Amino acid sequence: MLVTLATPYADTIATDLSFALGLPEQPALHVLDLARLGLRLRLLGASHQVVLDTPAGPLTETVACLPGRAPALPAAVADEAAGYSFTSRVHRLDRAGMSERIGLLRGRLADDPYALVGVFPGGADAVTALHAFSAGPTVGWHTWHAYPQSGELVETETVVTVR
């Protein structure tokens, strides 16, 4: 699902992002409720939040510019006991490379019922995108956070084995 967000794009860079588990639900600009997966994909003004309903209670992952929290986006987080695995990577792209990657991403996810692509006003490449997937007891999501002004595309992947 492709949505145009009714909020101005705030220039930032990848190093401004924070990662947090267990935060309460933040104010969202748009939510895609995937009840069949027990998952809610949430676009925030400052990036994303995903809420997964598990037998042990909700698991909430937030990657965003969070006031009062020091910026720190880890390359990997794993909690084997909880069946949780997170990875992140920052791609550095020139303007043409960014436009190509975002164009392909928008084209692939625009009509996908398990995807949410938020486009910020002022530029086709200023997007935050989320895509959910599942296989057996595994639920996961990919996210992309584009910062065209700095040539950075942050990509994350989370996989959770629901027990």
N, C-alpha and C. Protein backbone atom coordinates (compact mmCIF):
# COMPACT_ATOMS: atom_id res chain seq x y z
N MET A 1 0.85 -1.16 0.00
CA MET A 1 0.00 0.00 0.00
C MET A 1 0.90 1.23 0.00
N LEU A 2 0.65 2.10 -0.92
CA LEU A 2 1.39 3.35 -1.06
C LEU A 2 0.55 4.48 -0.49
N VAL A 3 1.10 5.23 0.47
CA VAL A 3 0.37 6.34 1.07
C VAL A 3 1.24 7.59 1.05
N THR A 4 0.59 8.72 0.76
CA THR A 4 1.27 10.00 0.85
C THR A 4 1.02 10.54 2.25
N LEU A 5 2.08 10.86 2.93
CA LEU A 5 1.98 11.28 4.32
C LEU A 5 1.73 12.79 4.41
N ALA A 6 0.85 13.17 5.28
CA ALA A 6 0.48 14.58 5.45
C ALA A 6 1.31 15.22 6.54
N THR A 7 2.61 15.11 6.39
CA THR A 7 3.53 15.74 7.33
C THR A 7 4.77 16.13 6.56
N PRO A 8 5.40 17.22 6.91
CA PRO A 8 6.60 17.61 6.17
C PRO A 8 7.74 16.64 6.43
N TYR A 9 8.56 16.46 5.42
CA TYR A 9 9.75 15.62 5.54
C TYR A 9 10.79 16.41 6.34
N ALA A 10 11.24 15.85 7.43
CA ALA A 10 12.27 16.49 8.25
C ALA A 10 13.62 15.89 7.88
N ASP A 11 14.47 16.70 7.29
CA ASP A 11 15.79 16.20 6.90
C ASP A 11 16.50 15.64 8.12
N THR A 12 17.08 14.49 7.96
CA THR A 12 17.85 13.85 9.01
C THR A 12 18.86 12.93 8.33
N ILE A 13 19.60 12.18 9.11
CA ILE A 13 20.58 11.24 8.58
C ILE A 13 20.47 9.93 9.35
N ALA A 14 21.05 8.90 8.79
CA ALA A 14 20.94 7.56 9.37
C ALA A 14 21.44 7.52 10.81
N THR A 15 22.47 8.27 11.12
CA THR A 15 23.03 8.21 12.48
C THR A 15 22.13 8.86 13.53
N ASP A 16 21.01 9.47 13.10
CA ASP A 16 20.05 10.03 14.06
C ASP A 16 19.05 8.98 14.56
N LEU A 17 19.05 7.79 13.94
CA LEU A 17 18.08 6.76 14.30
C LEU A 17 18.45 6.05 15.60
N SER A 18 17.41 5.70 16.35
CA SER A 18 17.56 4.88 17.55
C SER A 18 16.78 3.59 17.36
N PHE A 19 17.16 2.58 18.08
CA PHE A 19 16.49 1.28 18.08
C PHE A 19 15.98 1.03 19.49
N ALA A 20 14.75 0.55 19.60
CA ALA A 20 14.21 0.24 20.93
C ALA A 20 13.22 -0.90 20.83
N LEU A 21 13.25 -1.76 21.81
CA LEU A 21 12.24 -2.81 21.99
C LEU A 21 11.40 -2.45 23.20
N GLY A 22 10.10 -2.70 23.10
CA GLY A 22 9.23 -2.55 24.25
C GLY A 22 8.67 -1.17 24.51
N LEU A 23 8.91 -0.21 23.62
CA LEU A 23 8.31 1.11 23.83
C LEU A 23 6.80 1.02 23.64
N PRO A 24 6.06 1.91 24.28
CA PRO A 24 4.62 1.96 24.00
C PRO A 24 4.40 2.44 22.56
N GLU A 25 3.21 2.20 22.06
CA GLU A 25 2.90 2.63 20.71
C GLU A 25 3.02 4.15 20.62
N GLN A 26 3.76 4.59 19.61
CA GLN A 26 3.98 6.01 19.36
C GLN A 26 2.89 6.53 18.43
N PRO A 27 2.67 7.84 18.40
CA PRO A 27 1.69 8.39 17.46
C PRO A 27 2.08 8.01 16.03
N ALA A 28 1.14 7.45 15.29
CA ALA A 28 1.42 6.97 13.94
C ALA A 28 0.74 7.84 12.89
N LEU A 29 1.41 7.99 11.77
CA LEU A 29 0.83 8.68 10.62
C LEU A 29 -0.06 7.75 9.81
N HIS A 30 0.29 6.47 9.81
CA HIS A 30 -0.51 5.47 9.10
C HIS A 30 -0.20 4.09 9.69
N VAL A 31 -1.22 3.23 9.77
CA VAL A 31 -1.06 1.88 10.32
C VAL A 31 -1.65 0.88 9.34
N LEU A 32 -0.91 -0.19 9.10
CA LEU A 32 -1.42 -1.32 8.32
C LEU A 32 -1.57 -2.48 9.30
N ASP A 33 -2.81 -2.87 9.55
CA ASP A 33 -3.12 -3.95 10.49
C ASP A 33 -3.19 -5.26 9.72
N LEU A 34 -2.25 -6.14 9.99
CA LEU A 34 -2.20 -7.46 9.36
C LEU A 34 -2.61 -8.49 10.41
N ALA A 35 -3.91 -8.52 10.71
CA ALA A 35 -4.45 -9.35 11.79
C ALA A 35 -4.09 -10.82 11.60
N ARG A 36 -4.08 -11.29 10.37
CA ARG A 36 -3.77 -12.70 10.11
C ARG A 36 -2.37 -13.07 10.62
N LEU A 37 -1.46 -12.09 10.60
CA LEU A 37 -0.10 -12.32 11.09
C LEU A 37 0.09 -11.86 12.53
N GLY A 38 -0.94 -11.22 13.10
CA GLY A 38 -0.81 -10.66 14.45
C GLY A 38 0.16 -9.50 14.47
N LEU A 39 0.17 -8.71 13.40
CA LEU A 39 1.20 -7.71 13.18
C LEU A 39 0.57 -6.38 12.78
N ARG A 40 1.14 -5.29 13.30
CA ARG A 40 0.75 -3.95 12.88
C ARG A 40 1.99 -3.20 12.43
N LEU A 41 1.99 -2.77 11.17
CA LEU A 41 3.07 -1.96 10.63
C LEU A 41 2.67 -0.50 10.81
N ARG A 42 3.54 0.27 11.47
CA ARG A 42 3.19 1.64 11.84
C ARG A 42 4.23 2.62 11.29
N LEU A 43 3.77 3.56 10.48
CA LEU A 43 4.63 4.63 9.99
C LEU A 43 4.58 5.78 10.99
N LEU A 44 5.73 6.18 11.47
CA LEU A 44 5.83 7.31 12.39
C LEU A 44 6.37 8.51 11.62
N GLY A 45 6.18 9.69 12.13
CA GLY A 45 6.77 10.86 11.50
C GLY A 45 8.29 10.78 11.51
N ALA A 46 8.83 9.99 12.42
CA ALA A 46 10.27 9.87 12.55
C ALA A 46 10.77 8.47 12.19
N SER A 47 10.01 7.66 11.51
CA SER A 47 10.39 6.38 10.92
C SER A 47 9.35 5.29 11.15
N HIS A 48 9.70 4.19 11.86
CA HIS A 48 8.71 3.10 11.93
C HIS A 48 8.61 2.48 13.32
N GLN A 49 7.49 1.78 13.49
CA GLN A 49 7.27 0.94 14.67
C GLN A 49 6.45 -0.25 14.20
N VAL A 50 6.82 -1.43 14.71
CA VAL A 50 6.08 -2.65 14.39
C VAL A 50 5.65 -3.28 15.71
N VAL A 51 4.40 -3.72 15.75
CA VAL A 51 3.87 -4.39 16.94
C VAL A 51 3.44 -5.79 16.52
N LEU A 52 4.01 -6.79 17.17
CA LEU A 52 3.69 -8.19 16.91
C LEU A 52 3.03 -8.77 18.15
N ASP A 53 1.83 -9.33 17.99
CA ASP A 53 1.16 -10.00 19.09
C ASP A 53 1.73 -11.41 19.21
N THR A 54 2.24 -11.73 20.40
CA THR A 54 2.79 -13.06 20.66
C THR A 54 2.09 -13.65 21.87
N PRO A 55 2.19 -14.96 22.08
CA PRO A 55 1.58 -15.56 23.28
C PRO A 55 2.12 -14.96 24.58
N ALA A 56 3.35 -14.45 24.55
CA ALA A 56 3.95 -13.85 25.75
C ALA A 56 3.58 -12.37 25.90
N GLY A 57 2.80 -11.84 24.97
CA GLY A 57 2.44 -10.42 25.00
C GLY A 57 3.01 -9.72 23.78
N PRO A 58 2.67 -8.45 23.60
CA PRO A 58 3.12 -7.74 22.40
C PRO A 58 4.62 -7.50 22.40
N LEU A 59 5.21 -7.68 21.24
CA LEU A 59 6.61 -7.33 21.00
C LEU A 59 6.57 -6.07 20.14
N THR A 60 7.19 -5.01 20.63
CA THR A 60 7.17 -3.73 19.92
C THR A 60 8.60 -3.34 19.57
N GLU A 61 8.83 -3.14 18.27
CA GLU A 61 10.13 -2.69 17.77
C GLU A 61 9.97 -1.29 17.20
N THR A 62 10.85 -0.38 17.60
CA THR A 62 10.80 0.99 17.10
C THR A 62 12.18 1.36 16.57
N VAL A 63 12.21 1.83 15.34
CA VAL A 63 13.42 2.41 14.75
C VAL A 63 13.00 3.81 14.31
N ALA A 64 13.54 4.81 14.99
CA ALA A 64 13.08 6.18 14.74
C ALA A 64 14.03 7.18 15.39
N CYS A 65 13.86 8.43 15.03
CA CYS A 65 14.52 9.53 15.73
C CYS A 65 13.66 9.81 16.95
N LEU A 66 14.13 9.42 18.11
CA LEU A 66 13.32 9.48 19.32
C LEU A 66 13.85 10.54 20.28
N PRO A 67 13.03 11.53 20.59
CA PRO A 67 13.46 12.56 21.54
C PRO A 67 13.82 11.94 22.89
N GLY A 68 14.91 12.41 23.45
CA GLY A 68 15.32 11.92 24.76
C GLY A 68 16.07 10.60 24.73
N ARG A 69 16.25 10.03 23.57
CA ARG A 69 16.98 8.76 23.45
C ARG A 69 18.19 9.00 22.55
N ALA A 70 19.34 8.57 23.01
CA ALA A 70 20.56 8.75 22.22
C ALA A 70 20.46 7.96 20.91
N PRO A 71 20.89 8.55 19.81
CA PRO A 71 20.85 7.81 18.55
C PRO A 71 21.83 6.64 18.59
N ALA A 72 21.33 5.49 18.22
CA ALA A 72 22.17 4.30 18.15
C ALA A 72 21.38 3.22 17.42
N LEU A 73 21.79 2.90 16.21
CA LEU A 73 21.16 1.83 15.45
C LEU A 73 22.16 0.69 15.34
N PRO A 74 21.93 -0.39 16.07
CA PRO A 74 22.89 -1.49 16.05
C PRO A 74 22.85 -2.24 14.72
N ALA A 75 23.97 -2.85 14.38
CA ALA A 75 24.03 -3.68 13.17
C ALA A 75 23.25 -4.97 13.38
N ALA A 76 23.18 -5.45 14.63
CA ALA A 76 22.46 -6.69 14.91
C ALA A 76 22.03 -6.74 16.37
N VAL A 77 20.87 -7.35 16.59
CA VAL A 77 20.35 -7.63 17.93
C VAL A 77 19.73 -9.01 17.86
N ALA A 78 20.08 -9.86 18.80
CA ALA A 78 19.49 -11.21 18.83
C ALA A 78 19.13 -11.57 20.25
N ASP A 79 17.96 -12.17 20.39
CA ASP A 79 17.49 -12.71 21.66
C ASP A 79 16.96 -14.10 21.35
N GLU A 80 17.85 -15.09 21.48
CA GLU A 80 17.47 -16.46 21.12
C GLU A 80 16.32 -16.98 21.95
N ALA A 81 16.28 -16.62 23.23
CA ALA A 81 15.19 -17.09 24.10
C ALA A 81 13.84 -16.58 23.60
N ALA A 82 13.80 -15.38 23.06
CA ALA A 82 12.55 -14.81 22.56
C ALA A 82 12.34 -15.13 21.08
N GLY A 83 13.34 -15.75 20.44
CA GLY A 83 13.24 -16.06 19.02
C GLY A 83 13.31 -14.83 18.14
N TYR A 84 14.01 -13.78 18.60
CA TYR A 84 14.04 -12.48 17.93
C TYR A 84 15.42 -12.22 17.33
N SER A 85 15.42 -11.73 16.08
CA SER A 85 16.67 -11.37 15.41
C SER A 85 16.45 -10.12 14.56
N PHE A 86 17.33 -9.13 14.73
CA PHE A 86 17.24 -7.85 14.01
C PHE A 86 18.60 -7.56 13.39
N THR A 87 18.59 -7.10 12.15
CA THR A 87 19.82 -6.63 11.51
C THR A 87 19.54 -5.31 10.80
N SER A 88 20.57 -4.47 10.70
CA SER A 88 20.42 -3.22 9.96
C SER A 88 21.69 -2.96 9.15
N ARG A 89 21.50 -2.20 8.09
CA ARG A 89 22.62 -1.86 7.21
C ARG A 89 22.32 -0.50 6.58
N VAL A 90 23.34 0.31 6.43
CA VAL A 90 23.20 1.60 5.76
C VAL A 90 23.89 1.50 4.41
N HIS A 91 23.12 1.74 3.35
CA HIS A 91 23.66 1.78 2.00
C HIS A 91 23.94 3.23 1.65
N ARG A 92 25.09 3.51 1.08
CA ARG A 92 25.44 4.86 0.64
C ARG A 92 25.28 4.90 -0.88
N LEU A 93 24.43 5.79 -1.36
CA LEU A 93 24.08 5.83 -2.78
C LEU A 93 24.20 7.25 -3.32
N ASP A 94 24.58 7.36 -4.59
CA ASP A 94 24.52 8.68 -5.23
C ASP A 94 23.07 8.96 -5.59
N ARG A 95 22.80 10.17 -6.06
CA ARG A 95 21.42 10.59 -6.34
C ARG A 95 20.72 9.64 -7.32
N ALA A 96 21.41 9.26 -8.39
CA ALA A 96 20.82 8.36 -9.39
C ALA A 96 20.57 6.97 -8.80
N GLY A 97 21.52 6.48 -8.02
CA GLY A 97 21.36 5.17 -7.39
C GLY A 97 20.20 5.15 -6.40
N MET A 98 20.06 6.25 -5.64
CA MET A 98 18.95 6.35 -4.69
C MET A 98 17.62 6.34 -5.44
N SER A 99 17.51 7.15 -6.47
CA SER A 99 16.25 7.21 -7.24
C SER A 99 15.91 5.87 -7.86
N GLU A 100 16.92 5.17 -8.35
CA GLU A 100 16.67 3.85 -8.94
C GLU A 100 16.19 2.86 -7.88
N ARG A 101 16.88 2.80 -6.75
CA ARG A 101 16.50 1.86 -5.68
C ARG A 101 15.10 2.15 -5.15
N ILE A 102 14.80 3.43 -4.91
CA ILE A 102 13.50 3.79 -4.36
C ILE A 102 12.41 3.54 -5.40
N GLY A 103 12.68 3.83 -6.65
CA GLY A 103 11.70 3.56 -7.71
C GLY A 103 11.37 2.08 -7.79
N LEU A 104 12.38 1.23 -7.73
CA LEU A 104 12.15 -0.22 -7.75
C LEU A 104 11.37 -0.67 -6.52
N LEU A 105 11.74 -0.14 -5.37
CA LEU A 105 11.07 -0.49 -4.12
C LEU A 105 9.60 -0.07 -4.15
N ARG A 106 9.34 1.16 -4.57
CA ARG A 106 7.96 1.64 -4.66
C ARG A 106 7.16 0.79 -5.64
N GLY A 107 7.74 0.47 -6.78
CA GLY A 107 7.05 -0.34 -7.77
C GLY A 107 6.73 -1.74 -7.26
N ARG A 108 7.65 -2.33 -6.52
CA ARG A 108 7.47 -3.69 -6.02
C ARG A 108 6.46 -3.76 -4.88
N LEU A 109 6.42 -2.72 -4.04
CA LEU A 109 5.59 -2.78 -2.83
C LEU A 109 4.26 -2.03 -2.92
N ALA A 110 4.07 -1.18 -3.91
CA ALA A 110 2.88 -0.30 -3.97
C ALA A 110 1.57 -1.06 -3.84
N ASP A 111 1.43 -2.21 -4.47
CA ASP A 111 0.17 -2.95 -4.45
C ASP A 111 0.25 -4.22 -3.61
N ASP A 112 1.31 -4.40 -2.85
CA ASP A 112 1.48 -5.60 -2.02
C ASP A 112 0.64 -5.45 -0.76
N PRO A 113 -0.27 -6.38 -0.47
CA PRO A 113 -1.13 -6.24 0.70
C PRO A 113 -0.38 -6.37 2.04
N TYR A 114 0.88 -6.79 2.01
CA TYR A 114 1.69 -6.92 3.22
C TYR A 114 2.73 -5.81 3.34
N ALA A 115 2.55 -4.75 2.53
CA ALA A 115 3.53 -3.66 2.53
C ALA A 115 2.86 -2.32 2.78
N LEU A 116 3.63 -1.44 3.38
CA LEU A 116 3.21 -0.08 3.64
C LEU A 116 4.37 0.83 3.25
N VAL A 117 4.12 1.71 2.28
CA VAL A 117 5.14 2.63 1.80
C VAL A 117 4.63 4.04 2.02
N GLY A 118 5.30 4.78 2.88
CA GLY A 118 4.94 6.16 3.16
C GLY A 118 5.84 7.09 2.38
N VAL A 119 5.22 7.96 1.59
CA VAL A 119 5.96 8.94 0.80
C VAL A 119 5.76 10.30 1.44
N PHE A 120 6.87 10.94 1.78
CA PHE A 120 6.81 12.26 2.39
C PHE A 120 6.69 13.32 1.31
N PRO A 121 5.96 14.40 1.58
CA PRO A 121 5.83 15.48 0.59
C PRO A 121 7.20 16.07 0.25
N GLY A 122 7.36 16.46 -0.99
CA GLY A 122 8.57 17.16 -1.38
C GLY A 122 9.59 16.32 -2.10
N GLY A 123 9.36 15.03 -2.26
CA GLY A 123 10.33 14.23 -2.99
C GLY A 123 9.93 12.77 -3.08
N ALA A 124 9.95 12.24 -4.29
CA ALA A 124 9.55 10.85 -4.50
C ALA A 124 10.48 9.86 -3.80
N ASP A 125 11.71 10.29 -3.51
CA ASP A 125 12.67 9.38 -2.88
C ASP A 125 12.65 9.45 -1.36
N ALA A 126 11.91 10.38 -0.78
CA ALA A 126 11.81 10.50 0.67
C ALA A 126 10.71 9.56 1.16
N VAL A 127 11.10 8.32 1.45
CA VAL A 127 10.12 7.30 1.82
C VAL A 127 10.58 6.52 3.05
N THR A 128 9.58 5.95 3.72
CA THR A 128 9.80 4.90 4.71
C THR A 128 8.89 3.76 4.27
N ALA A 129 9.45 2.56 4.14
CA ALA A 129 8.68 1.42 3.65
C ALA A 129 8.86 0.24 4.60
N LEU A 130 7.76 -0.52 4.75
CA LEU A 130 7.77 -1.73 5.58
C LEU A 130 7.11 -2.85 4.78
N HIS A 131 7.64 -4.05 4.92
CA HIS A 131 7.07 -5.21 4.23
C HIS A 131 7.13 -6.41 5.17
N ALA A 132 5.98 -7.02 5.43
CA ALA A 132 5.88 -8.17 6.33
C ALA A 132 5.90 -9.48 5.55
N PHE A 133 6.37 -10.54 6.21
CA PHE A 133 6.37 -11.87 5.61
C PHE A 133 6.20 -12.90 6.70
N SER A 134 5.77 -14.09 6.31
CA SER A 134 5.65 -15.18 7.29
C SER A 134 5.88 -16.51 6.59
N ALA A 135 6.35 -17.46 7.38
CA ALA A 135 6.55 -18.83 6.93
C ALA A 135 6.50 -19.72 8.16
N GLY A 136 5.43 -20.50 8.27
CA GLY A 136 5.28 -21.36 9.45
C GLY A 136 5.22 -20.52 10.71
N PRO A 137 6.05 -20.87 11.72
CA PRO A 137 6.02 -20.11 12.97
C PRO A 137 6.84 -18.82 12.92
N THR A 138 7.42 -18.51 11.76
CA THR A 138 8.27 -17.33 11.63
C THR A 138 7.49 -16.17 11.01
N VAL A 139 7.60 -15.03 11.65
CA VAL A 139 7.03 -13.78 11.14
C VAL A 139 8.19 -12.79 11.07
N GLY A 140 8.18 -11.97 10.04
CA GLY A 140 9.26 -11.00 9.94
C GLY A 140 8.86 -9.79 9.14
N TRP A 141 9.78 -8.84 9.08
CA TRP A 141 9.54 -7.63 8.30
C TRP A 141 10.87 -7.02 7.88
N HIS A 142 10.81 -6.42 6.71
CA HIS A 142 11.91 -5.61 6.18
C HIS A 142 11.46 -4.16 6.26
N THR A 143 12.39 -3.26 6.48
CA THR A 143 12.08 -1.83 6.41
C THR A 143 13.18 -1.11 5.64
N TRP A 144 12.78 0.00 5.05
CA TRP A 144 13.70 0.87 4.34
C TRP A 144 13.40 2.31 4.73
N HIS A 145 14.43 3.05 5.05
CA HIS A 145 14.32 4.46 5.43
C HIS A 145 15.26 5.23 4.51
N ALA A 146 14.69 6.04 3.62
CA ALA A 146 15.51 6.74 2.64
C ALA A 146 15.78 8.17 3.08
N TYR A 147 17.03 8.55 3.02
CA TYR A 147 17.48 9.90 3.32
C TYR A 147 18.19 10.43 2.07
N PRO A 148 17.41 10.88 1.07
CA PRO A 148 18.02 11.27 -0.20
C PRO A 148 19.00 12.43 -0.08
N GLN A 149 18.78 13.34 0.87
CA GLN A 149 19.67 14.49 1.00
C GLN A 149 21.07 14.08 1.44
N SER A 150 21.21 12.95 2.12
CA SER A 150 22.54 12.48 2.55
C SER A 150 22.98 11.24 1.77
N GLY A 151 22.13 10.77 0.86
CA GLY A 151 22.49 9.59 0.06
C GLY A 151 22.53 8.31 0.87
N GLU A 152 21.66 8.20 1.88
CA GLU A 152 21.66 7.02 2.74
C GLU A 152 20.32 6.29 2.65
N LEU A 153 20.40 4.98 2.54
CA LEU A 153 19.22 4.12 2.59
C LEU A 153 19.47 3.11 3.70
N VAL A 154 18.68 3.22 4.76
CA VAL A 154 18.80 2.30 5.90
C VAL A 154 17.84 1.15 5.65
N GLU A 155 18.38 -0.06 5.71
CA GLU A 155 17.58 -1.27 5.51
C GLU A 155 17.67 -2.12 6.76
N THR A 156 16.51 -2.57 7.25
CA THR A 156 16.51 -3.47 8.41
C THR A 156 15.74 -4.73 8.07
N GLU A 157 16.04 -5.79 8.79
CA GLU A 157 15.28 -7.03 8.69
C GLU A 157 15.12 -7.60 10.08
N THR A 158 13.90 -7.99 10.39
CA THR A 158 13.60 -8.61 11.68
C THR A 158 12.92 -9.94 11.42
N VAL A 159 13.31 -10.96 12.17
CA VAL A 159 12.70 -12.27 12.09
C VAL A 159 12.37 -12.72 13.51
N VAL A 160 11.13 -13.16 13.71
CA VAL A 160 10.69 -13.62 15.02
C VAL A 160 10.07 -15.01 14.86
N THR A 161 10.53 -15.96 15.64
CA THR A 161 9.91 -17.27 15.68
C THR A 161 8.92 -17.25 16.83
N VAL A 162 7.65 -17.31 16.48
CA VAL A 162 6.58 -17.22 17.48
C VAL A 162 6.38 -18.60 18.08
N ARG A 163 6.50 -18.68 19.39
CA ARG A 163 6.36 -19.98 20.07
C ARG A 163 5.06 -20.04 20.79
